[in-house]
């Protein structure tokens, strides 16, 4: 059986848990070599990656850096370029969340959200782009936004704004990078069963949102990963500059 990502190399951020980890596993199953980027070194996760490498006969390189630290990010780029001769796929998945009413939101909190959810992605993509362009072959960038960027949920002024900025950024560069055969698309997940969701939503808010979802449930992270896989593979070769909502049919 042909693997969708065989002979491809993917850079994935925030892949030690939740949606990112599901993407990591899915890409490994489809034979991609992976640059697995996480904030802190975790020996259990390193062992997990080594097992994936052995099981699927691929290469998994662990890179550790804090997205809020520009110097660490720059050092990570150098390390990534040492680990691989080419980059075919970038999945900008890492992100943080913050919930508070607009009038109670501190400027420092907004800056932190944008530093991780937008500025770091902007820089990481910019730094890796030359390496990707050298491929001279079809490549794909997938940015993970959120349904909050579209729904504009209460209490999410900073988070939703950062994810909305990511959508606009993606649409702009999809036009700029098309000449290099690089596609740029966005996945906007709805409620997904992750640590982030469970720690940031009250039971009442969760129930209210599930009730507004046509499928009446939250997503499993693998359901988001399947969409990312589709956009990373040649199955989506004519899809560019799009936002794919994976939210179970969330209604206003």
C-alpha atoms as a PDB file:
ATOM      1  CA  UNK A   1       0.000   0.000   0.000  1.00  0.00           C
ATOM      2  CA  UNK A   2       1.397   3.395  -1.002  1.00  0.00           C
ATOM      3  CA  UNK A   3       2.050   5.761   1.886  1.00  0.00           C
ATOM      4  CA  UNK A   4       0.822   9.325   1.400  1.00  0.00           C
ATOM      5  CA  UNK A   5       3.942  11.027   2.775  1.00  0.00           C
ATOM      6  CA  UNK A   6       6.708   8.639   1.765  1.00  0.00           C
ATOM      7  CA  UNK A   7       9.987  10.468   0.995  1.00  0.00           C
ATOM      8  CA  UNK A   8       8.561  13.657   2.539  1.00  0.00           C
ATOM      9  CA  UNK A   9      10.056  15.560   5.473  1.00  0.00           C
ATOM     10  CA  UNK A  10       7.741  17.442   7.814  1.00  0.00           C
ATOM     11  CA  UNK A  11       8.387  20.014  10.514  1.00  0.00           C
ATOM     12  CA  UNK A  12       5.681  19.857  13.202  1.00  0.00           C
ATOM     13  CA  UNK A  13       5.501  22.194  16.207  1.00  0.00           C
ATOM     14  CA  UNK A  14       3.807  21.434  19.512  1.00  0.00           C
ATOM     15  CA  UNK A  15       3.668  17.714  18.821  1.00  0.00           C
ATOM     16  CA  UNK A  16       4.076  16.264  22.304  1.00  0.00           C
ATOM     17  CA  UNK A  17       0.365  16.252  23.136  1.00  0.00           C
ATOM     18  CA  UNK A  18      -3.148  16.853  21.859  1.00  0.00           C
ATOM     19  CA  UNK A  19      -3.676  17.608  18.184  1.00  0.00           C
ATOM     20  CA  UNK A  20       0.068  17.921  17.554  1.00  0.00           C
ATOM     21  CA  UNK A  21       0.784  14.437  18.848  1.00  0.00           C
ATOM     22  CA  UNK A  22      -2.048  13.014  16.744  1.00  0.00           C
ATOM     23  CA  UNK A  23      -0.504  14.709  13.680  1.00  0.00           C
ATOM     24  CA  UNK A  24       2.910  13.295  14.590  1.00  0.00           C
ATOM     25  CA  UNK A  25       1.534   9.754  14.779  1.00  0.00           C
ATOM     26  CA  UNK A  26      -0.511  10.117  11.599  1.00  0.00           C
ATOM     27  CA  UNK A  27       2.470  11.434   9.628  1.00  0.00           C
ATOM     28  CA  UNK A  28       4.656   8.618  10.975  1.00  0.00           C
ATOM     29  CA  UNK A  29       2.054   6.070   9.867  1.00  0.00           C
ATOM     30  CA  UNK A  30       2.211   7.595   6.384  1.00  0.00           C
ATOM     31  CA  UNK A  31       6.039   7.290   6.264  1.00  0.00           C
ATOM     32  CA  UNK A  32       7.087  10.926   6.635  1.00  0.00           C
ATOM     33  CA  UNK A  33      10.426  11.790   8.190  1.00  0.00           C
ATOM     34  CA  UNK A  34       9.662  14.240  10.985  1.00  0.00           C
ATOM     35  CA  UNK A  35      11.282  17.157  12.769  1.00  0.00           C
ATOM     36  CA  UNK A  36       9.347  17.041  16.047  1.00  0.00           C
ATOM     37  CA  UNK A  37       9.470  20.470  17.721  1.00  0.00           C
ATOM     38  CA  UNK A  38       8.505  20.897  21.366  1.00  0.00           C
ATOM     39  CA  UNK A  39       9.188  23.524  24.032  1.00  0.00           C
ATOM     40  CA  UNK A  40      10.937  21.397  26.650  1.00  0.00           C
ATOM     41  CA  UNK A  41      12.911  18.191  26.600  1.00  0.00           C
ATOM     42  CA  UNK A  42      10.803  15.292  27.843  1.00  0.00           C
ATOM     43  CA  UNK A  43      12.556  11.933  27.991  1.00  0.00           C
ATOM     44  CA  UNK A  44       9.273  10.041  27.825  1.00  0.00           C
ATOM     45  CA  UNK A  45       8.360  11.877  24.615  1.00  0.00           C
ATOM     46  CA  UNK A  46      11.844  11.327  23.165  1.00  0.00           C
ATOM     47  CA  UNK A  47      11.404   7.601  23.846  1.00  0.00           C
ATOM     48  CA  UNK A  48       7.961   7.734  22.212  1.00  0.00           C
ATOM     49  CA  UNK A  49       9.511   9.288  19.084  1.00  0.00           C
ATOM     50  CA  UNK A  50      12.235   6.632  18.990  1.00  0.00           C
ATOM     51  CA  UNK A  51       9.560   3.944  19.091  1.00  0.00           C
ATOM     52  CA  UNK A  52       7.733   5.622  16.195  1.00  0.00           C
ATOM     53  CA  UNK A  53      10.987   5.740  14.275  1.00  0.00           C
ATOM     54  CA  UNK A  54      11.589   2.041  14.826  1.00  0.00           C
ATOM     55  CA  UNK A  55       7.995   0.973  14.200  1.00  0.00           C
ATOM     56  CA  UNK A  56       7.518   2.845  10.922  1.00  0.00           C
ATOM     57  CA  UNK A  57      11.150   2.840   9.727  1.00  0.00           C
ATOM     58  CA  UNK A  58      11.342   6.631   9.479  1.00  0.00           C
ATOM     59  CA  UNK A  59      13.511   9.379  10.946  1.00  0.00           C
ATOM     60  CA  UNK A  60      12.218  11.443  13.854  1.00  0.00           C
ATOM     61  CA  UNK A  61      14.440  14.268  15.085  1.00  0.00           C
ATOM     62  CA  UNK A  62      13.560  16.014  18.346  1.00  0.00           C
ATOM     63  CA  UNK A  63      14.144  19.781  18.484  1.00  0.00           C
ATOM     64  CA  UNK A  64      13.512  21.760  21.666  1.00  0.00           C
ATOM     65  CA  UNK A  65      12.928  25.519  21.798  1.00  0.00           C
ATOM     66  CA  UNK A  66      10.632  28.101  23.346  1.00  0.00           C
ATOM     67  CA  UNK A  67       8.515  29.900  20.744  1.00  0.00           C
ATOM     68  CA  UNK A  68       8.576  33.037  22.894  1.00  0.00           C
ATOM     69  CA  UNK A  69      12.364  33.180  22.723  1.00  0.00           C
ATOM     70  CA  UNK A  70      13.566  34.521  19.355  1.00  0.00           C
ATOM     71  CA  UNK A  71      17.157  33.472  19.998  1.00  0.00           C
ATOM     72  CA  UNK A  72      16.098  29.910  20.783  1.00  0.00           C
ATOM     73  CA  UNK A  73      13.941  29.911  17.661  1.00  0.00           C
ATOM     74  CA  UNK A  74      16.856  31.031  15.488  1.00  0.00           C
ATOM     75  CA  UNK A  75      19.111  28.362  17.019  1.00  0.00           C
ATOM     76  CA  UNK A  76      16.423  25.756  16.360  1.00  0.00           C
ATOM     77  CA  UNK A  77      16.296  26.753  12.681  1.00  0.00           C
ATOM     78  CA  UNK A  78      20.034  26.132  12.380  1.00  0.00           C
ATOM     79  CA  UNK A  79      19.621  22.748  14.056  1.00  0.00           C
ATOM     80  CA  UNK A  80      16.706  21.810  11.792  1.00  0.00           C
ATOM     81  CA  UNK A  81      18.743  22.635   8.702  1.00  0.00           C
ATOM     82  CA  UNK A  82      21.525  20.368   9.987  1.00  0.00           C
ATOM     83  CA  UNK A  83      19.084  17.502  10.479  1.00  0.00           C
ATOM     84  CA  UNK A  84      17.533  17.490   7.007  1.00  0.00           C
ATOM     85  CA  UNK A  85      18.481  18.388   3.461  1.00  0.00           C
ATOM     86  CA  UNK A  86      14.918  19.267   2.551  1.00  0.00           C
ATOM     87  CA  UNK A  87      11.593  20.339   4.009  1.00  0.00           C
ATOM     88  CA  UNK A  88       8.376  19.418   2.221  1.00  0.00           C
ATOM     89  CA  UNK A  89       5.788  20.167   4.898  1.00  0.00           C
ATOM     90  CA  UNK A  90       5.464  22.650   7.750  1.00  0.00           C
ATOM     91  CA  UNK A  91       2.688  22.204  10.302  1.00  0.00           C
ATOM     92  CA  UNK A  92       2.460  25.219  12.619  1.00  0.00           C
ATOM     93  CA  UNK A  93       0.436  23.632  15.383  1.00  0.00           C
ATOM     94  CA  UNK A  94       1.880  24.939  18.670  1.00  0.00           C
ATOM     95  CA  UNK A  95      -0.267  27.475  20.454  1.00  0.00           C
ATOM     96  CA  UNK A  96      -1.564  28.683  23.792  1.00  0.00           C
ATOM     97  CA  UNK A  97      -4.952  29.865  24.963  1.00  0.00           C
ATOM     98  CA  UNK A  98      -6.142  32.613  27.279  1.00  0.00           C
ATOM     99  CA  UNK A  99      -9.680  33.286  28.432  1.00  0.00           C
ATOM    100  CA  UNK A 100     -10.926  36.504  30.003  1.00  0.00           C
ATOM    101  CA  UNK A 101     -13.390  39.258  29.294  1.00  0.00           C
ATOM    102  CA  UNK A 102     -11.967  41.994  27.080  1.00  0.00           C
ATOM    103  CA  UNK A 103     -12.019  44.665  29.809  1.00  0.00           C
ATOM    104  CA  UNK A 104     -10.184  42.292  32.169  1.00  0.00           C
ATOM    105  CA  UNK A 105      -7.488  41.264  29.702  1.00  0.00           C
ATOM    106  CA  UNK A 106      -4.008  42.589  30.422  1.00  0.00           C
ATOM    107  CA  UNK A 107      -1.794  43.881  27.626  1.00  0.00           C
ATOM    108  CA  UNK A 108       0.975  41.505  28.684  1.00  0.00           C
ATOM    109  CA  UNK A 109      -1.402  38.568  28.200  1.00  0.00           C
ATOM    110  CA  UNK A 110      -2.305  39.751  24.699  1.00  0.00           C
ATOM    111  CA  UNK A 111       1.370  40.129  23.814  1.00  0.00           C
ATOM    112  CA  UNK A 112       2.154  36.632  25.085  1.00  0.00           C
ATOM    113  CA  UNK A 113      -0.687  35.104  23.065  1.00  0.00           C
ATOM    114  CA  UNK A 114       0.427  36.852  19.871  1.00  0.00           C
ATOM    115  CA  UNK A 115       4.093  35.998  20.467  1.00  0.00           C
ATOM    116  CA  UNK A 116       3.321  32.264  20.503  1.00  0.00           C
ATOM    117  CA  UNK A 117       0.257  32.026  18.262  1.00  0.00           C
ATOM    118  CA  UNK A 118       1.330  34.444  15.548  1.00  0.00           C
ATOM    119  CA  UNK A 119       4.772  36.095  15.641  1.00  0.00           C
ATOM    120  CA  UNK A 120       6.690  32.867  16.269  1.00  0.00           C
ATOM    121  CA  UNK A 121       4.839  31.176  13.405  1.00  0.00           C
ATOM    122  CA  UNK A 122       5.570  34.137  11.149  1.00  0.00           C
ATOM    123  CA  UNK A 123       9.287  33.927  11.946  1.00  0.00           C
ATOM    124  CA  UNK A 124       9.578  30.131  11.878  1.00  0.00           C
ATOM    125  CA  UNK A 125       7.910  29.965   8.473  1.00  0.00           C
ATOM    126  CA  UNK A 126      10.048  32.813   7.174  1.00  0.00           C
ATOM    127  CA  UNK A 127      13.275  31.173   8.360  1.00  0.00           C
ATOM    128  CA  UNK A 128      12.372  27.749   6.913  1.00  0.00           C
ATOM    129  CA  UNK A 129      11.078  29.059   3.616  1.00  0.00           C
ATOM    130  CA  UNK A 130      14.403  29.273   1.772  1.00  0.00           C
ATOM    131  CA  UNK A 131      15.069  25.665   2.721  1.00  0.00           C
ATOM    132  CA  UNK A 132      11.640  24.698   1.382  1.00  0.00           C
ATOM    133  CA  UNK A 133      11.965  26.677  -1.862  1.00  0.00           C
ATOM    134  CA  UNK A 134      15.196  24.823  -2.669  1.00  0.00           C
ATOM    135  CA  UNK A 135      13.158  21.630  -3.052  1.00  0.00           C
ATOM    136  CA  UNK A 136      11.682  22.866  -6.325  1.00  0.00           C
ATOM    137  CA  UNK A 137       8.927  20.328  -5.714  1.00  0.00           C
ATOM    138  CA  UNK A 138       5.324  20.567  -4.457  1.00  0.00           C
ATOM    139  CA  UNK A 139       5.294  21.547  -0.783  1.00  0.00           C
ATOM    140  CA  UNK A 140       2.667  22.374   1.797  1.00  0.00           C
ATOM    141  CA  UNK A 141       2.299  24.650   4.816  1.00  0.00           C
ATOM    142  CA  UNK A 142      -0.594  23.980   7.182  1.00  0.00           C
ATOM    143  CA  UNK A 143      -1.378  26.454   9.941  1.00  0.00           C
ATOM    144  CA  UNK A 144      -3.620  25.385  12.798  1.00  0.00           C
ATOM    145  CA  UNK A 145      -6.048  28.157  13.677  1.00  0.00           C
ATOM    146  CA  UNK A 146      -9.334  27.727  15.546  1.00  0.00           C
ATOM    147  CA  UNK A 147     -13.080  28.008  15.072  1.00  0.00           C
ATOM    148  CA  UNK A 148     -12.802  30.796  17.662  1.00  0.00           C
ATOM    149  CA  UNK A 149     -11.165  32.954  14.993  1.00  0.00           C
ATOM    150  CA  UNK A 150     -14.391  32.720  12.980  1.00  0.00           C
ATOM    151  CA  UNK A 151     -16.987  32.435  15.736  1.00  0.00           C
ATOM    152  CA  UNK A 152     -15.447  35.237  17.883  1.00  0.00           C
ATOM    153  CA  UNK A 153     -16.362  33.562  21.166  1.00  0.00           C
ATOM    154  CA  UNK A 154     -16.886  35.637  24.290  1.00  0.00           C
ATOM    155  CA  UNK A 155     -13.860  35.756  26.540  1.00  0.00           C
ATOM    156  CA  UNK A 156     -11.486  34.979  23.704  1.00  0.00           C
ATOM    157  CA  UNK A 157     -10.587  38.454  22.400  1.00  0.00           C
ATOM    158  CA  UNK A 158      -6.831  37.829  22.516  1.00  0.00           C
ATOM    159  CA  UNK A 159      -6.874  34.155  21.505  1.00  0.00           C
ATOM    160  CA  UNK A 160      -9.406  34.561  18.690  1.00  0.00           C
ATOM    161  CA  UNK A 161      -7.592  37.642  17.371  1.00  0.00           C
ATOM    162  CA  UNK A 162      -4.254  35.804  17.234  1.00  0.00           C
ATOM    163  CA  UNK A 163      -5.846  32.891  15.387  1.00  0.00           C
ATOM    164  CA  UNK A 164      -7.659  35.258  13.010  1.00  0.00           C
ATOM    165  CA  UNK A 165      -4.326  36.946  12.241  1.00  0.00           C
ATOM    166  CA  UNK A 166      -2.963  33.506  11.374  1.00  0.00           C
ATOM    167  CA  UNK A 167      -5.773  32.962   8.873  1.00  0.00           C
ATOM    168  CA  UNK A 168      -5.142  36.273   7.099  1.00  0.00           C
ATOM    169  CA  UNK A 169      -1.385  35.677   7.118  1.00  0.00           C
ATOM    170  CA  UNK A 170      -1.954  32.257   5.528  1.00  0.00           C
ATOM    171  CA  UNK A 171      -4.159  33.654   2.778  1.00  0.00           C
ATOM    172  CA  UNK A 172      -1.606  36.340   1.922  1.00  0.00           C
ATOM    173  CA  UNK A 173       1.377  34.008   1.708  1.00  0.00           C
ATOM    174  CA  UNK A 174      -0.633  31.436  -0.231  1.00  0.00           C
ATOM    175  CA  UNK A 175      -0.655  34.021  -3.036  1.00  0.00           C
ATOM    176  CA  UNK A 176       3.015  34.890  -2.631  1.00  0.00           C
ATOM    177  CA  UNK A 177       4.289  31.303  -2.500  1.00  0.00           C
ATOM    178  CA  UNK A 178       2.157  29.735  -5.227  1.00  0.00           C
ATOM    179  CA  UNK A 179       4.846  30.571  -7.808  1.00  0.00           C
ATOM    180  CA  UNK A 180       7.201  28.286  -5.859  1.00  0.00           C
ATOM    181  CA  UNK A 181       4.667  25.429  -5.888  1.00  0.00           C
ATOM    182  CA  UNK A 182       4.086  25.842  -2.158  1.00  0.00           C
ATOM    183  CA  UNK A 183       0.501  25.586  -0.975  1.00  0.00           C
ATOM    184  CA  UNK A 184      -0.648  27.271   2.248  1.00  0.00           C
ATOM    185  CA  UNK A 185      -3.863  26.270   3.985  1.00  0.00           C
ATOM    186  CA  UNK A 186      -5.478  26.551   7.405  1.00  0.00           C
ATOM    187  CA  UNK A 187      -7.259  24.038   9.595  1.00  0.00           C
ATOM    188  CA  UNK A 188      -9.714  25.591  12.055  1.00  0.00           C
ATOM    189  CA  UNK A 189     -10.681  22.952  14.618  1.00  0.00           C
ATOM    190  CA  UNK A 190     -13.726  23.242  16.790  1.00  0.00           C
ATOM    191  CA  UNK A 191     -14.031  21.561  20.185  1.00  0.00           C
ATOM    192  CA  UNK A 192     -11.371  18.862  20.382  1.00  0.00           C
ATOM    193  CA  UNK A 193     -10.735  16.532  23.307  1.00  0.00           C
ATOM    194  CA  UNK A 194      -7.377  17.901  24.431  1.00  0.00           C
ATOM    195  CA  UNK A 195      -5.783  19.100  27.635  1.00  0.00           C
ATOM    196  CA  UNK A 196      -6.097  22.667  26.348  1.00  0.00           C
ATOM    197  CA  UNK A 197      -9.852  22.379  25.840  1.00  0.00           C
ATOM    198  CA  UNK A 198     -10.463  20.696  29.171  1.00  0.00           C
ATOM    199  CA  UNK A 199      -8.436  23.272  31.095  1.00  0.00           C
ATOM    200  CA  UNK A 200      -9.902  26.340  29.403  1.00  0.00           C
ATOM    201  CA  UNK A 201     -13.642  25.623  29.334  1.00  0.00           C
ATOM    202  CA  UNK A 202     -16.202  25.264  32.100  1.00  0.00           C
ATOM    203  CA  UNK A 203     -18.615  22.344  31.955  1.00  0.00           C
ATOM    204  CA  UNK A 204     -21.448  24.781  31.255  1.00  0.00           C
ATOM    205  CA  UNK A 205     -19.629  26.433  28.354  1.00  0.00           C
ATOM    206  CA  UNK A 206     -18.622  23.057  26.937  1.00  0.00           C
ATOM    207  CA  UNK A 207     -22.205  21.770  27.046  1.00  0.00           C
ATOM    208  CA  UNK A 208     -23.534  24.952  25.426  1.00  0.00           C
ATOM    209  CA  UNK A 209     -21.067  24.647  22.569  1.00  0.00           C
ATOM    210  CA  UNK A 210     -21.679  20.924  22.070  1.00  0.00           C
ATOM    211  CA  UNK A 211     -25.405  21.679  21.892  1.00  0.00           C
ATOM    212  CA  UNK A 212     -24.678  24.102  19.016  1.00  0.00           C
ATOM    213  CA  UNK A 213     -22.680  21.471  17.165  1.00  0.00           C
ATOM    214  CA  UNK A 214     -24.633  19.409  14.636  1.00  0.00           C
ATOM    215  CA  UNK A 215     -22.779  16.208  15.526  1.00  0.00           C
ATOM    216  CA  UNK A 216     -23.404  16.830  19.259  1.00  0.00           C
ATOM    217  CA  UNK A 217     -19.900  15.841  20.360  1.00  0.00           C
ATOM    218  CA  UNK A 218     -16.309  17.023  20.544  1.00  0.00           C
ATOM    219  CA  UNK A 219     -13.672  15.869  18.059  1.00  0.00           C
ATOM    220  CA  UNK A 220     -11.009  13.287  18.680  1.00  0.00           C
ATOM    221  CA  UNK A 221      -7.548  14.759  17.915  1.00  0.00           C
ATOM    222  CA  UNK A 222      -7.044  12.140  15.191  1.00  0.00           C
ATOM    223  CA  UNK A 223      -9.985  13.653  13.285  1.00  0.00           C
ATOM    224  CA  UNK A 224      -8.095  16.932  13.083  1.00  0.00           C
ATOM    225  CA  UNK A 225      -4.890  15.086  12.185  1.00  0.00           C
ATOM    226  CA  UNK A 226      -6.653  13.359   9.280  1.00  0.00           C
ATOM    227  CA  UNK A 227      -7.510  16.759   7.800  1.00  0.00           C
ATOM    228  CA  UNK A 228      -3.934  17.967   8.231  1.00  0.00           C
ATOM    229  CA  UNK A 229      -2.697  14.800   6.519  1.00  0.00           C
ATOM    230  CA  UNK A 230      -5.038  15.462   3.594  1.00  0.00           C
ATOM    231  CA  UNK A 231      -3.701  19.002   3.184  1.00  0.00           C
ATOM    232  CA  UNK A 232      -0.090  17.840   3.516  1.00  0.00           C
ATOM    233  CA  UNK A 233      -0.463  15.152   0.876  1.00  0.00           C
ATOM    234  CA  UNK A 234      -0.898  15.241  -2.888  1.00  0.00           C
ATOM    235  CA  UNK A 235      -4.578  14.382  -2.384  1.00  0.00           C
ATOM    236  CA  UNK A 236      -5.119  18.130  -1.903  1.00  0.00           C
ATOM    237  CA  UNK A 237      -2.800  19.256  -4.706  1.00  0.00           C
ATOM    238  CA  UNK A 238      -5.346  21.795  -6.041  1.00  0.00           C
ATOM    239  CA  UNK A 239      -6.306  23.285  -2.676  1.00  0.00           C
ATOM    240  CA  UNK A 240      -4.582  26.520  -1.741  1.00  0.00           C
ATOM    241  CA  UNK A 241      -5.353  29.550   0.428  1.00  0.00           C
ATOM    242  CA  UNK A 242      -8.299  27.851   2.114  1.00  0.00           C
ATOM    243  CA  UNK A 243      -9.632  27.540   5.664  1.00  0.00           C
ATOM    244  CA  UNK A 244     -11.009  24.082   6.449  1.00  0.00           C
ATOM    245  CA  UNK A 245     -13.328  24.127   9.422  1.00  0.00           C
ATOM    246  CA  UNK A 246     -13.299  20.829  11.308  1.00  0.00           C
ATOM    247  CA  UNK A 247     -15.922  21.611  13.920  1.00  0.00           C
ATOM    248  CA  UNK A 248     -18.702  19.050  13.605  1.00  0.00           C
ATOM    249  CA  UNK A 249     -21.019  21.644  12.106  1.00  0.00           C
ATOM    250  CA  UNK A 250     -20.801  24.376  14.742  1.00  0.00           C
ATOM    251  CA  UNK A 251     -23.782  26.729  14.508  1.00  0.00           C
ATOM    252  CA  UNK A 252     -24.092  30.349  15.670  1.00  0.00           C
END
